[in-house]
Amino acid sequence: MIHAEASVEINRPVEEVFSYTSNPENFPQWAATVREVRQDARGGGPLNREGERFTAMQNALGRRFEAPFEVIDYEPNRRYAHRSREGHPVPVTMVFSYEPVSSDGTRFTPRIEAEPGSFFGLVGPLLERVIRRQMRTNLETLKDLLEARQEEQGLVGED
């Protein structure tokens, strides 16, 4: 089993960070391997709730693939998780945790749990390092993106 976790403090309220990061359709804007996400047939419930299904078009490990995933946990402003079992080179569970920090900030912590098959099991430690490096890059992008939105909103309000 591969476990990778990283955290970032974002100078935005928990509600905003949760709303943005728990919407899979935003993943391509901050997760470098995700090219597109589309929601599969809606089950009639609200977007992103447990049981909702999506398909991500991704580039990873030198190839393109479609990875269907299902939201398995959705606790507003605290936790979001989804699981991908098909189409992915390695079955993956993603868990996002949110914690308020300072007066208006959020500690965002994504955790990946992957179940590598026989080949990937042999290269597990290398794969784990690659995943951690990509997570750090994604978190830097996310922080920059959300904090830039704050600056844009501030500039708009000054007129």
Foldseek 3Di string as FASTA:
>chain_A
DFKAKDKDKAQAALQVLQVQVLQVQNCVQQQVFFPGKDWDPDPPDDPNAFFTKMWTFGADPHDTWIWIKTWHDDDRSAKTKIWTDPTDQWTKIKMWGWDDDDDGMIMIMIMIDTDHDPVCVVVVVVVNVVVNVSVVRSVVSVNVVVVVVVVVVVVVVVD
